[in-house]
């Protein structure tokens, strides 16, 4: 590649990943997209990981979902975590454990593959998967893992499956067979490109938008699609009063033919909330309608944001519970 083209690609990639220029440039490969897509088992792994990253967040963060930067490559991805609190939340959510007489919690088959001074590498046993969690000293990652273990053993009496064996446990295999082989799982896999793609472009919600806070969850199906519904990712972007949304800039970045995802505006959908509540919502989906990105732009005055920061976990739980219930009711019509 010519030097000027390499410089342009590296600078543009930084908007999507928040890497340094040198980091972005080092990841560019001839005849490959500037942000390569995950494939095969890695694709499904990253789709699950994206969901867990969203689901694990319980407080306001400086970066989208507490991830300072991402470094996607063809066969792995690195997530640089912003704080020990986010490391704790993420590990406590993804590390698999077994509740006797109950079910498997976390990501089945997940194991810590190796530990370095820069972070930890996780993967799903016996599968071609990989992700790095970095941004904190090795001592912090070890302390967070020990805390998760102590909680399971001392308080919940659950079995920490990530501690071994290296292969999938009987409980994980049974859980996988029961929950991850049916119609819903096939639907999720069909839309895995969307969540994996968002994970690999997570910094857009920091570099392009001036939002004070970004949160999200996996929504239920909505009207406007023939069955099966696409996997729907609802992303809320909260702004202080007077801060412009930059909606079109974000849409342009997500739909960019070289760096973005294969999505376009989904104006065909019926409203599931009152129109006045959706005037600052944008929906993007693919031609096959397997993935749906729902961007929700909201304004709050500073005292409201300040109050929400203090009560963020409770507030977010209430809001997401209400929205999920509304989705469930309206999806039946």
C-alpha atoms as a PDB file:
ATOM      1  CA  UNK A   1       0.000   0.000   0.000  1.00  0.00           C
ATOM      2  CA  UNK A   2       1.188   3.510  -0.711  1.00  0.00           C
ATOM      3  CA  UNK A   3       2.358   5.499   2.294  1.00  0.00           C
ATOM      4  CA  UNK A   4      -0.357   8.169   1.987  1.00  0.00           C
ATOM      5  CA  UNK A   5      -3.069   5.503   1.772  1.00  0.00           C
ATOM      6  CA  UNK A   6      -1.668   3.705   4.825  1.00  0.00           C
ATOM      7  CA  UNK A   7      -1.698   6.966   6.791  1.00  0.00           C
ATOM      8  CA  UNK A   8      -5.305   7.637   5.816  1.00  0.00           C
ATOM      9  CA  UNK A   9      -6.437   4.141   6.734  1.00  0.00           C
ATOM     10  CA  UNK A  10      -4.635   4.239  10.093  1.00  0.00           C
ATOM     11  CA  UNK A  11      -6.114   7.627  10.964  1.00  0.00           C
ATOM     12  CA  UNK A  12      -9.604   6.491   9.987  1.00  0.00           C
ATOM     13  CA  UNK A  13      -9.300   3.206  11.876  1.00  0.00           C
ATOM     14  CA  UNK A  14      -8.475   5.142  15.050  1.00  0.00           C
ATOM     15  CA  UNK A  15     -12.002   6.620  15.037  1.00  0.00           C
ATOM     16  CA  UNK A  16     -13.436   3.112  15.282  1.00  0.00           C
ATOM     17  CA  UNK A  17     -10.979   1.621  17.771  1.00  0.00           C
ATOM     18  CA  UNK A  18      -9.405   4.553  19.693  1.00  0.00           C
ATOM     19  CA  UNK A  19      -5.996   2.958  19.119  1.00  0.00           C
ATOM     20  CA  UNK A  20      -2.884   5.079  18.857  1.00  0.00           C
ATOM     21  CA  UNK A  21      -1.804   5.875  15.327  1.00  0.00           C
ATOM     22  CA  UNK A  22       1.087   3.421  15.523  1.00  0.00           C
ATOM     23  CA  UNK A  23      -1.173   0.673  16.870  1.00  0.00           C
ATOM     24  CA  UNK A  24      -3.713   1.205  14.102  1.00  0.00           C
ATOM     25  CA  UNK A  25      -1.046   1.307  11.420  1.00  0.00           C
ATOM     26  CA  UNK A  26       0.589  -1.895  12.676  1.00  0.00           C
ATOM     27  CA  UNK A  27      -2.697  -3.800  12.254  1.00  0.00           C
ATOM     28  CA  UNK A  28      -3.185  -2.937   8.577  1.00  0.00           C
ATOM     29  CA  UNK A  29      -2.573  -5.814   6.182  1.00  0.00           C
ATOM     30  CA  UNK A  30      -2.374  -5.807   2.364  1.00  0.00           C
ATOM     31  CA  UNK A  31      -5.520  -7.081   0.637  1.00  0.00           C
ATOM     32  CA  UNK A  32      -7.453  -7.113   3.942  1.00  0.00           C
ATOM     33  CA  UNK A  33     -10.162  -4.740   5.171  1.00  0.00           C
ATOM     34  CA  UNK A  34      -8.822  -2.063   7.543  1.00  0.00           C
ATOM     35  CA  UNK A  35     -11.060  -3.554  10.242  1.00  0.00           C
ATOM     36  CA  UNK A  36     -11.192  -7.301   9.534  1.00  0.00           C
ATOM     37  CA  UNK A  37     -14.336  -9.224  10.349  1.00  0.00           C
ATOM     38  CA  UNK A  38     -14.307 -12.167  12.724  1.00  0.00           C
ATOM     39  CA  UNK A  39     -15.257 -15.500  11.175  1.00  0.00           C
ATOM     40  CA  UNK A  40     -16.302 -18.973  12.258  1.00  0.00           C
ATOM     41  CA  UNK A  41     -16.192 -19.748  15.980  1.00  0.00           C
ATOM     42  CA  UNK A  42     -14.500 -16.414  16.700  1.00  0.00           C
ATOM     43  CA  UNK A  43     -17.515 -14.606  15.286  1.00  0.00           C
ATOM     44  CA  UNK A  44     -19.982 -16.304  17.617  1.00  0.00           C
ATOM     45  CA  UNK A  45     -17.567 -15.889  20.532  1.00  0.00           C
ATOM     46  CA  UNK A  46     -17.355 -12.126  20.001  1.00  0.00           C
ATOM     47  CA  UNK A  47     -21.115 -11.864  19.618  1.00  0.00           C
ATOM     48  CA  UNK A  48     -21.541 -13.491  23.036  1.00  0.00           C
ATOM     49  CA  UNK A  49     -18.771 -11.333  24.489  1.00  0.00           C
ATOM     50  CA  UNK A  50     -20.418  -8.138  23.223  1.00  0.00           C
ATOM     51  CA  UNK A  51     -23.649  -9.131  24.923  1.00  0.00           C
ATOM     52  CA  UNK A  52     -21.823  -9.875  28.180  1.00  0.00           C
ATOM     53  CA  UNK A  53     -19.951  -6.553  28.075  1.00  0.00           C
ATOM     54  CA  UNK A  54     -23.253  -4.701  27.724  1.00  0.00           C
ATOM     55  CA  UNK A  55     -24.983  -6.810  30.341  1.00  0.00           C
ATOM     56  CA  UNK A  56     -22.180  -6.496  32.910  1.00  0.00           C
ATOM     57  CA  UNK A  57     -22.156  -2.689  33.088  1.00  0.00           C
ATOM     58  CA  UNK A  58     -23.843  -1.315  36.220  1.00  0.00           C
ATOM     59  CA  UNK A  59     -22.572   2.267  36.462  1.00  0.00           C
ATOM     60  CA  UNK A  60     -21.616   5.300  34.411  1.00  0.00           C
ATOM     61  CA  UNK A  61     -18.272   4.953  32.628  1.00  0.00           C
ATOM     62  CA  UNK A  62     -15.828   7.338  30.986  1.00  0.00           C
ATOM     63  CA  UNK A  63     -15.697   5.250  27.810  1.00  0.00           C
ATOM     64  CA  UNK A  64     -18.503   3.313  26.105  1.00  0.00           C
ATOM     65  CA  UNK A  65     -19.271   0.340  28.345  1.00  0.00           C
ATOM     66  CA  UNK A  66     -15.995   0.927  30.195  1.00  0.00           C
ATOM     67  CA  UNK A  67     -13.780  -0.083  27.236  1.00  0.00           C
ATOM     68  CA  UNK A  68     -11.073   2.499  26.499  1.00  0.00           C
ATOM     69  CA  UNK A  69     -10.042   1.009  23.158  1.00  0.00           C
ATOM     70  CA  UNK A  70     -10.362  -2.131  21.068  1.00  0.00           C
ATOM     71  CA  UNK A  71      -7.729  -3.791  18.866  1.00  0.00           C
ATOM     72  CA  UNK A  72      -9.421  -6.167  16.414  1.00  0.00           C
ATOM     73  CA  UNK A  73      -7.358  -8.569  14.323  1.00  0.00           C
ATOM     74  CA  UNK A  74      -8.337 -11.391  12.002  1.00  0.00           C
ATOM     75  CA  UNK A  75      -8.362 -14.077  14.715  1.00  0.00           C
ATOM     76  CA  UNK A  76      -8.613 -12.211  18.036  1.00  0.00           C
ATOM     77  CA  UNK A  77      -9.642  -8.959  19.701  1.00  0.00           C
ATOM     78  CA  UNK A  78      -8.214  -6.925  22.556  1.00  0.00           C
ATOM     79  CA  UNK A  79     -10.429  -4.940  24.918  1.00  0.00           C
ATOM     80  CA  UNK A  80      -8.615  -2.345  26.997  1.00  0.00           C
ATOM     81  CA  UNK A  81     -10.691  -1.950  30.160  1.00  0.00           C
ATOM     82  CA  UNK A  82     -10.828   1.489  31.773  1.00  0.00           C
ATOM     83  CA  UNK A  83     -10.940   0.609  35.475  1.00  0.00           C
ATOM     84  CA  UNK A  84     -10.748  -2.113  38.090  1.00  0.00           C
ATOM     85  CA  UNK A  85     -14.487  -1.799  38.637  1.00  0.00           C
ATOM     86  CA  UNK A  86     -15.197  -2.638  35.010  1.00  0.00           C
ATOM     87  CA  UNK A  87     -12.693  -5.496  35.110  1.00  0.00           C
ATOM     88  CA  UNK A  88     -14.541  -6.855  38.128  1.00  0.00           C
ATOM     89  CA  UNK A  89     -17.948  -6.526  36.483  1.00  0.00           C
ATOM     90  CA  UNK A  90     -16.826  -8.141  33.225  1.00  0.00           C
ATOM     91  CA  UNK A  91     -14.978 -11.066  34.792  1.00  0.00           C
ATOM     92  CA  UNK A  92     -17.734 -11.760  37.302  1.00  0.00           C
ATOM     93  CA  UNK A  93     -20.179 -11.897  34.368  1.00  0.00           C
ATOM     94  CA  UNK A  94     -18.240 -13.982  31.839  1.00  0.00           C
ATOM     95  CA  UNK A  95     -16.415 -16.522  34.034  1.00  0.00           C
ATOM     96  CA  UNK A  96     -18.545 -19.712  33.998  1.00  0.00           C
ATOM     97  CA  UNK A  97     -19.769 -21.312  37.183  1.00  0.00           C
ATOM     98  CA  UNK A  98     -22.325 -23.971  38.043  1.00  0.00           C
ATOM     99  CA  UNK A  99     -25.176 -23.472  40.469  1.00  0.00           C
ATOM    100  CA  UNK A 100     -25.962 -26.906  41.964  1.00  0.00           C
ATOM    101  CA  UNK A 101     -29.437 -27.916  40.938  1.00  0.00           C
ATOM    102  CA  UNK A 102     -29.608 -24.846  38.737  1.00  0.00           C
ATOM    103  CA  UNK A 103     -27.715 -23.820  35.639  1.00  0.00           C
ATOM    104  CA  UNK A 104     -24.454 -22.564  34.233  1.00  0.00           C
ATOM    105  CA  UNK A 105     -23.785 -18.864  34.731  1.00  0.00           C
ATOM    106  CA  UNK A 106     -21.366 -16.924  32.534  1.00  0.00           C
ATOM    107  CA  UNK A 107     -20.025 -18.015  29.138  1.00  0.00           C
ATOM    108  CA  UNK A 108     -19.916 -21.835  28.891  1.00  0.00           C
ATOM    109  CA  UNK A 109     -16.493 -23.249  28.082  1.00  0.00           C
ATOM    110  CA  UNK A 110     -14.687 -19.988  28.833  1.00  0.00           C
ATOM    111  CA  UNK A 111     -11.214 -20.392  30.269  1.00  0.00           C
ATOM    112  CA  UNK A 112      -8.316 -18.055  31.026  1.00  0.00           C
ATOM    113  CA  UNK A 113      -5.754 -19.208  28.498  1.00  0.00           C
ATOM    114  CA  UNK A 114      -2.750 -17.210  29.645  1.00  0.00           C
ATOM    115  CA  UNK A 115      -1.770 -14.353  31.924  1.00  0.00           C
ATOM    116  CA  UNK A 116       0.835 -11.723  31.073  1.00  0.00           C
ATOM    117  CA  UNK A 117       1.904  -8.455  32.632  1.00  0.00           C
ATOM    118  CA  UNK A 118      -0.423  -6.675  30.177  1.00  0.00           C
ATOM    119  CA  UNK A 119      -3.596  -8.646  30.930  1.00  0.00           C
ATOM    120  CA  UNK A 120      -5.281 -11.987  30.378  1.00  0.00           C
ATOM    121  CA  UNK A 121      -6.230 -13.972  27.305  1.00  0.00           C
ATOM    122  CA  UNK A 122      -9.570 -15.773  27.379  1.00  0.00           C
ATOM    123  CA  UNK A 123     -10.982 -18.375  25.001  1.00  0.00           C
ATOM    124  CA  UNK A 124     -13.587 -21.099  24.796  1.00  0.00           C
ATOM    125  CA  UNK A 125     -12.037 -24.504  25.317  1.00  0.00           C
ATOM    126  CA  UNK A 126     -11.648 -26.670  22.204  1.00  0.00           C
ATOM    127  CA  UNK A 127     -12.729 -23.796  19.955  1.00  0.00           C
ATOM    128  CA  UNK A 128     -10.721 -21.418  17.772  1.00  0.00           C
ATOM    129  CA  UNK A 129     -11.503 -18.342  19.848  1.00  0.00           C
ATOM    130  CA  UNK A 130      -9.460 -15.635  21.529  1.00  0.00           C
ATOM    131  CA  UNK A 131      -9.835 -12.282  23.284  1.00  0.00           C
ATOM    132  CA  UNK A 132      -7.452 -10.219  25.381  1.00  0.00           C
ATOM    133  CA  UNK A 133      -8.568  -8.177  28.385  1.00  0.00           C
ATOM    134  CA  UNK A 134      -5.953  -5.525  29.108  1.00  0.00           C
ATOM    135  CA  UNK A 135      -5.558  -2.021  30.507  1.00  0.00           C
ATOM    136  CA  UNK A 136      -4.722  -2.975  34.095  1.00  0.00           C
ATOM    137  CA  UNK A 137      -1.732  -4.585  35.822  1.00  0.00           C
ATOM    138  CA  UNK A 138      -1.599  -8.361  36.086  1.00  0.00           C
ATOM    139  CA  UNK A 139      -2.017  -8.064  39.862  1.00  0.00           C
ATOM    140  CA  UNK A 140      -5.403  -6.400  39.396  1.00  0.00           C
ATOM    141  CA  UNK A 141      -6.692  -9.096  37.041  1.00  0.00           C
ATOM    142  CA  UNK A 142      -5.551 -11.751  39.502  1.00  0.00           C
ATOM    143  CA  UNK A 143      -7.216  -9.954  42.409  1.00  0.00           C
ATOM    144  CA  UNK A 144     -10.475  -9.587  40.502  1.00  0.00           C
ATOM    145  CA  UNK A 145     -10.441 -13.280  39.568  1.00  0.00           C
ATOM    146  CA  UNK A 146      -9.730 -14.254  43.196  1.00  0.00           C
ATOM    147  CA  UNK A 147     -12.642 -12.097  44.366  1.00  0.00           C
ATOM    148  CA  UNK A 148     -14.950 -13.867  41.922  1.00  0.00           C
ATOM    149  CA  UNK A 149     -13.729 -17.227  43.192  1.00  0.00           C
ATOM    150  CA  UNK A 150     -14.158 -16.239  46.831  1.00  0.00           C
ATOM    151  CA  UNK A 151     -17.713 -15.059  46.218  1.00  0.00           C
ATOM    152  CA  UNK A 152     -18.659 -18.332  44.534  1.00  0.00           C
ATOM    153  CA  UNK A 153     -17.113 -20.562  47.161  1.00  0.00           C
ATOM    154  CA  UNK A 154     -18.005 -18.639  50.284  1.00  0.00           C
ATOM    155  CA  UNK A 155     -21.338 -17.019  49.487  1.00  0.00           C
ATOM    156  CA  UNK A 156     -23.046 -18.795  46.606  1.00  0.00           C
ATOM    157  CA  UNK A 157     -21.567 -22.296  46.895  1.00  0.00           C
ATOM    158  CA  UNK A 158     -21.339 -22.466  43.122  1.00  0.00           C
ATOM    159  CA  UNK A 159     -18.598 -24.429  41.355  1.00  0.00           C
ATOM    160  CA  UNK A 160     -16.071 -22.278  39.424  1.00  0.00           C
ATOM    161  CA  UNK A 161     -15.940 -24.061  36.061  1.00  0.00           C
ATOM    162  CA  UNK A 162     -13.284 -21.768  34.617  1.00  0.00           C
ATOM    163  CA  UNK A 163     -10.758 -23.227  37.063  1.00  0.00           C
ATOM    164  CA  UNK A 164     -10.801 -26.533  35.233  1.00  0.00           C
ATOM    165  CA  UNK A 165     -10.750 -28.946  33.618  1.00  0.00           C
ATOM    166  CA  UNK A 166      -9.522 -27.449  30.353  1.00  0.00           C
ATOM    167  CA  UNK A 167     -12.245 -29.228  28.406  1.00  0.00           C
ATOM    168  CA  UNK A 168     -15.948 -28.466  28.721  1.00  0.00           C
ATOM    169  CA  UNK A 169     -17.547 -29.820  31.868  1.00  0.00           C
ATOM    170  CA  UNK A 170     -20.624 -32.049  31.725  1.00  0.00           C
ATOM    171  CA  UNK A 171     -22.703 -29.161  33.050  1.00  0.00           C
ATOM    172  CA  UNK A 172     -21.473 -26.821  30.320  1.00  0.00           C
ATOM    173  CA  UNK A 173     -22.134 -29.396  27.599  1.00  0.00           C
ATOM    174  CA  UNK A 174     -25.648 -29.986  28.901  1.00  0.00           C
ATOM    175  CA  UNK A 175     -26.301 -26.251  29.104  1.00  0.00           C
ATOM    176  CA  UNK A 176     -24.997 -25.711  25.571  1.00  0.00           C
ATOM    177  CA  UNK A 177     -27.182 -28.505  24.215  1.00  0.00           C
ATOM    178  CA  UNK A 178     -30.265 -27.197  25.979  1.00  0.00           C
ATOM    179  CA  UNK A 179     -29.987 -23.478  25.306  1.00  0.00           C
ATOM    180  CA  UNK A 180     -27.623 -22.903  22.385  1.00  0.00           C
ATOM    181  CA  UNK A 181     -28.790 -25.329  19.704  1.00  0.00           C
ATOM    182  CA  UNK A 182     -32.421 -24.281  19.121  1.00  0.00           C
ATOM    183  CA  UNK A 183     -34.138 -21.788  16.842  1.00  0.00           C
ATOM    184  CA  UNK A 184     -33.258 -18.792  19.003  1.00  0.00           C
ATOM    185  CA  UNK A 185     -29.572 -19.763  18.942  1.00  0.00           C
ATOM    186  CA  UNK A 186     -29.596 -20.106  15.156  1.00  0.00           C
ATOM    187  CA  UNK A 187     -31.195 -16.666  14.932  1.00  0.00           C
ATOM    188  CA  UNK A 188     -28.526 -15.204  17.207  1.00  0.00           C
ATOM    189  CA  UNK A 189     -25.769 -16.795  15.143  1.00  0.00           C
ATOM    190  CA  UNK A 190     -27.260 -15.380  11.940  1.00  0.00           C
ATOM    191  CA  UNK A 191     -26.950 -11.890  13.442  1.00  0.00           C
ATOM    192  CA  UNK A 192     -23.574 -12.468  15.128  1.00  0.00           C
ATOM    193  CA  UNK A 193     -21.831 -10.343  12.471  1.00  0.00           C
ATOM    194  CA  UNK A 194     -23.680  -7.312  13.870  1.00  0.00           C
ATOM    195  CA  UNK A 195     -22.706  -7.609  17.539  1.00  0.00           C
ATOM    196  CA  UNK A 196     -19.161  -8.711  16.728  1.00  0.00           C
ATOM    197  CA  UNK A 197     -18.917  -5.820  14.286  1.00  0.00           C
ATOM    198  CA  UNK A 198     -20.107  -3.359  16.910  1.00  0.00           C
ATOM    199  CA  UNK A 199     -17.601  -4.716  19.421  1.00  0.00           C
ATOM    200  CA  UNK A 200     -14.811  -4.183  16.879  1.00  0.00           C
ATOM    201  CA  UNK A 201     -15.991  -0.574  16.359  1.00  0.00           C
ATOM    202  CA  UNK A 202     -16.911   0.283  19.929  1.00  0.00           C
ATOM    203  CA  UNK A 203     -14.860   3.492  20.069  1.00  0.00           C
ATOM    204  CA  UNK A 204     -17.205   5.187  17.586  1.00  0.00           C
ATOM    205  CA  UNK A 205     -19.502   5.888  20.516  1.00  0.00           C
ATOM    206  CA  UNK A 206     -16.697   7.941  22.050  1.00  0.00           C
ATOM    207  CA  UNK A 207     -14.804   9.478  19.129  1.00  0.00           C
ATOM    208  CA  UNK A 208     -17.775  10.449  16.925  1.00  0.00           C
ATOM    209  CA  UNK A 209     -20.498  11.256  19.431  1.00  0.00           C
ATOM    210  CA  UNK A 210     -20.239  13.772  22.305  1.00  0.00           C
ATOM    211  CA  UNK A 211     -22.567  11.702  24.491  1.00  0.00           C
ATOM    212  CA  UNK A 212     -21.939  11.819  28.241  1.00  0.00           C
ATOM    213  CA  UNK A 213     -23.020   8.230  28.624  1.00  0.00           C
ATOM    214  CA  UNK A 214     -23.690   5.225  26.399  1.00  0.00           C
ATOM    215  CA  UNK A 215     -25.578   2.145  27.559  1.00  0.00           C
ATOM    216  CA  UNK A 216     -27.363  -0.683  25.823  1.00  0.00           C
ATOM    217  CA  UNK A 217     -29.033  -4.060  25.926  1.00  0.00           C
ATOM    218  CA  UNK A 218     -30.291  -6.796  23.629  1.00  0.00           C
ATOM    219  CA  UNK A 219     -33.908  -6.040  22.853  1.00  0.00           C
ATOM    220  CA  UNK A 220     -36.789  -8.294  21.956  1.00  0.00           C
ATOM    221  CA  UNK A 221     -38.332  -8.561  18.518  1.00  0.00           C
ATOM    222  CA  UNK A 222     -40.452  -5.722  17.161  1.00  0.00           C
ATOM    223  CA  UNK A 223     -43.120  -5.278  14.533  1.00  0.00           C
ATOM    224  CA  UNK A 224     -42.086  -4.729  10.955  1.00  0.00           C
ATOM    225  CA  UNK A 225     -40.302  -7.989  10.272  1.00  0.00           C
ATOM    226  CA  UNK A 226     -41.397 -11.375   9.122  1.00  0.00           C
ATOM    227  CA  UNK A 227     -40.299 -14.129  11.493  1.00  0.00           C
ATOM    228  CA  UNK A 228     -37.571 -14.664  12.553  1.00  0.00           C
ATOM    229  CA  UNK A 229     -36.840 -11.214  13.908  1.00  0.00           C
ATOM    230  CA  UNK A 230     -33.314  -9.803  13.611  1.00  0.00           C
ATOM    231  CA  UNK A 231     -31.102  -9.676  16.680  1.00  0.00           C
ATOM    232  CA  UNK A 232     -31.825  -6.198  18.039  1.00  0.00           C
ATOM    233  CA  UNK A 233     -29.242  -4.100  19.871  1.00  0.00           C
ATOM    234  CA  UNK A 234     -30.647  -1.059  21.649  1.00  0.00           C
ATOM    235  CA  UNK A 235     -28.019   1.618  22.325  1.00  0.00           C
ATOM    236  CA  UNK A 236     -28.874   4.721  24.388  1.00  0.00           C
ATOM    237  CA  UNK A 237     -26.726   7.837  23.962  1.00  0.00           C
ATOM    238  CA  UNK A 238     -27.327  10.403  26.714  1.00  0.00           C
ATOM    239  CA  UNK A 239     -26.289  14.049  26.209  1.00  0.00           C
ATOM    240  CA  UNK A 240     -26.269  17.132  28.383  1.00  0.00           C
ATOM    241  CA  UNK A 241     -28.553  20.011  27.408  1.00  0.00           C
ATOM    242  CA  UNK A 242     -27.091  22.015  24.540  1.00  0.00           C
ATOM    243  CA  UNK A 243     -24.804  19.243  23.266  1.00  0.00           C
ATOM    244  CA  UNK A 244     -25.502  18.319  19.614  1.00  0.00           C
ATOM    245  CA  UNK A 245     -26.289  14.703  18.857  1.00  0.00           C
ATOM    246  CA  UNK A 246     -24.213  14.245  15.669  1.00  0.00           C
ATOM    247  CA  UNK A 247     -26.644  11.569  14.556  1.00  0.00           C
ATOM    248  CA  UNK A 248     -25.746  11.699  10.890  1.00  0.00           C
ATOM    249  CA  UNK A 249     -22.023  11.546  11.604  1.00  0.00           C
ATOM    250  CA  UNK A 250     -22.515   8.349  13.605  1.00  0.00           C
ATOM    251  CA  UNK A 251     -24.741   6.828  10.921  1.00  0.00           C
ATOM    252  CA  UNK A 252     -22.188   7.747   8.251  1.00  0.00           C
ATOM    253  CA  UNK A 253     -19.442   6.021  10.247  1.00  0.00           C
ATOM    254  CA  UNK A 254     -21.479   2.871  10.860  1.00  0.00           C
ATOM    255  CA  UNK A 255     -22.491   2.633   7.202  1.00  0.00           C
ATOM    256  CA  UNK A 256     -19.119   3.622   5.713  1.00  0.00           C
ATOM    257  CA  UNK A 257     -18.428   1.243   2.804  1.00  0.00           C
ATOM    258  CA  UNK A 258     -14.796   0.664   3.834  1.00  0.00           C
ATOM    259  CA  UNK A 259     -14.865   0.806   7.649  1.00  0.00           C
ATOM    260  CA  UNK A 260     -18.491   0.343   8.620  1.00  0.00           C
ATOM    261  CA  UNK A 261     -21.018  -2.474   8.701  1.00  0.00           C
ATOM    262  CA  UNK A 262     -23.326  -3.690   5.886  1.00  0.00           C
ATOM    263  CA  UNK A 263     -26.320  -1.768   7.245  1.00  0.00           C
ATOM    264  CA  UNK A 264     -28.582   1.061   6.128  1.00  0.00           C
ATOM    265  CA  UNK A 265     -31.553   2.937   7.532  1.00  0.00           C
ATOM    266  CA  UNK A 266     -34.469   0.711   8.462  1.00  0.00           C
ATOM    267  CA  UNK A 267     -37.291   3.183   7.871  1.00  0.00           C
ATOM    268  CA  UNK A 268     -39.800   0.445   7.097  1.00  0.00           C
ATOM    269  CA  UNK A 269     -40.350  -0.478  10.749  1.00  0.00           C
ATOM    270  CA  UNK A 270     -43.505   0.284  12.682  1.00  0.00           C
ATOM    271  CA  UNK A 271     -43.177   2.321  15.881  1.00  0.00           C
ATOM    272  CA  UNK A 272     -43.304   0.378  19.131  1.00  0.00           C
ATOM    273  CA  UNK A 273     -43.254   3.495  21.305  1.00  0.00           C
ATOM    274  CA  UNK A 274     -45.186   6.777  20.869  1.00  0.00           C
ATOM    275  CA  UNK A 275     -43.800   8.698  17.863  1.00  0.00           C
ATOM    276  CA  UNK A 276     -42.687  11.665  19.989  1.00  0.00           C
ATOM    277  CA  UNK A 277     -40.441   9.329  22.010  1.00  0.00           C
ATOM    278  CA  UNK A 278     -38.855   7.952  18.845  1.00  0.00           C
ATOM    279  CA  UNK A 279     -38.149  11.191  16.984  1.00  0.00           C
ATOM    280  CA  UNK A 280     -34.454  10.933  17.865  1.00  0.00           C
ATOM    281  CA  UNK A 281     -34.177   7.202  17.245  1.00  0.00           C
ATOM    282  CA  UNK A 282     -32.410   5.715  14.241  1.00  0.00           C
ATOM    283  CA  UNK A 283     -32.573   2.082  13.189  1.00  0.00           C
ATOM    284  CA  UNK A 284     -30.057   0.358  10.938  1.00  0.00           C
ATOM    285  CA  UNK A 285     -30.318  -3.171   9.575  1.00  0.00           C
ATOM    286  CA  UNK A 286     -28.833  -5.369   6.875  1.00  0.00           C
ATOM    287  CA  UNK A 287     -30.435  -6.425   3.610  1.00  0.00           C
ATOM    288  CA  UNK A 288     -31.125  -9.941   4.895  1.00  0.00           C
ATOM    289  CA  UNK A 289     -32.578  -8.431   8.090  1.00  0.00           C
ATOM    290  CA  UNK A 290     -30.606 -10.559  10.530  1.00  0.00           C
ATOM    291  CA  UNK A 291     -29.220  -7.718  12.680  1.00  0.00           C
ATOM    292  CA  UNK A 292     -30.750  -4.458  13.893  1.00  0.00           C
ATOM    293  CA  UNK A 293     -28.967  -1.508  15.527  1.00  0.00           C
ATOM    294  CA  UNK A 294     -31.274   0.880  17.359  1.00  0.00           C
ATOM    295  CA  UNK A 295     -29.626   4.223  18.212  1.00  0.00           C
ATOM    296  CA  UNK A 296     -31.505   6.330  20.776  1.00  0.00           C
ATOM    297  CA  UNK A 297     -30.362   9.921  21.308  1.00  0.00           C
ATOM    298  CA  UNK A 298     -31.519  11.592  24.526  1.00  0.00           C
ATOM    299  CA  UNK A 299     -30.935  14.927  26.297  1.00  0.00           C
ATOM    300  CA  UNK A 300     -30.773  15.433  30.065  1.00  0.00           C
ATOM    301  CA  UNK A 301     -29.971  18.591  31.992  1.00  0.00           C
ATOM    302  CA  UNK A 302     -26.852  18.505  34.165  1.00  0.00           C
ATOM    303  CA  UNK A 303     -28.609  18.109  37.551  1.00  0.00           C
ATOM    304  CA  UNK A 304     -30.456  15.110  36.126  1.00  0.00           C
ATOM    305  CA  UNK A 305     -27.229  13.557  34.894  1.00  0.00           C
ATOM    306  CA  UNK A 306     -25.541  14.279  38.216  1.00  0.00           C
ATOM    307  CA  UNK A 307     -28.378  12.603  40.079  1.00  0.00           C
ATOM    308  CA  UNK A 308     -28.306   9.633  37.724  1.00  0.00           C
ATOM    309  CA  UNK A 309     -24.583   9.130  38.261  1.00  0.00           C
ATOM    310  CA  UNK A 310     -25.145   8.676  41.972  1.00  0.00           C
ATOM    311  CA  UNK A 311     -27.995   6.231  41.467  1.00  0.00           C
ATOM    312  CA  UNK A 312     -26.834   4.736  38.174  1.00  0.00           C
ATOM    313  CA  UNK A 313     -27.155   1.006  38.971  1.00  0.00           C
ATOM    314  CA  UNK A 314     -30.686   1.365  40.328  1.00  0.00           C
ATOM    315  CA  UNK A 315     -31.710   3.793  37.595  1.00  0.00           C
ATOM    316  CA  UNK A 316     -30.377   1.652  34.773  1.00  0.00           C
ATOM    317  CA  UNK A 317     -32.005  -1.494  36.121  1.00  0.00           C
ATOM    318  CA  UNK A 318     -35.383   0.244  36.342  1.00  0.00           C
ATOM    319  CA  UNK A 319     -35.140   1.780  32.863  1.00  0.00           C
ATOM    320  CA  UNK A 320     -34.033  -1.417  31.143  1.00  0.00           C
ATOM    321  CA  UNK A 321     -36.651  -3.498  32.969  1.00  0.00           C
ATOM    322  CA  UNK A 322     -39.412  -1.116  31.886  1.00  0.00           C
ATOM    323  CA  UNK A 323     -38.193  -1.047  28.293  1.00  0.00           C
ATOM    324  CA  UNK A 324     -37.924  -4.828  28.140  1.00  0.00           C
ATOM    325  CA  UNK A 325     -41.471  -5.177  29.460  1.00  0.00           C
ATOM    326  CA  UNK A 326     -42.805  -2.643  26.960  1.00  0.00           C
ATOM    327  CA  UNK A 327     -41.008  -4.491  24.165  1.00  0.00           C
ATOM    328  CA  UNK A 328     -42.512  -7.780  25.304  1.00  0.00           C
ATOM    329  CA  UNK A 329     -46.039  -6.392  25.390  1.00  0.00           C
ATOM    330  CA  UNK A 330     -45.856  -4.531  22.087  1.00  0.00           C
ATOM    331  CA  UNK A 331     -44.221  -7.460  20.317  1.00  0.00           C
ATOM    332  CA  UNK A 332     -47.402  -9.464  20.842  1.00  0.00           C
ATOM    333  CA  UNK A 333     -49.541  -7.095  18.791  1.00  0.00           C
END
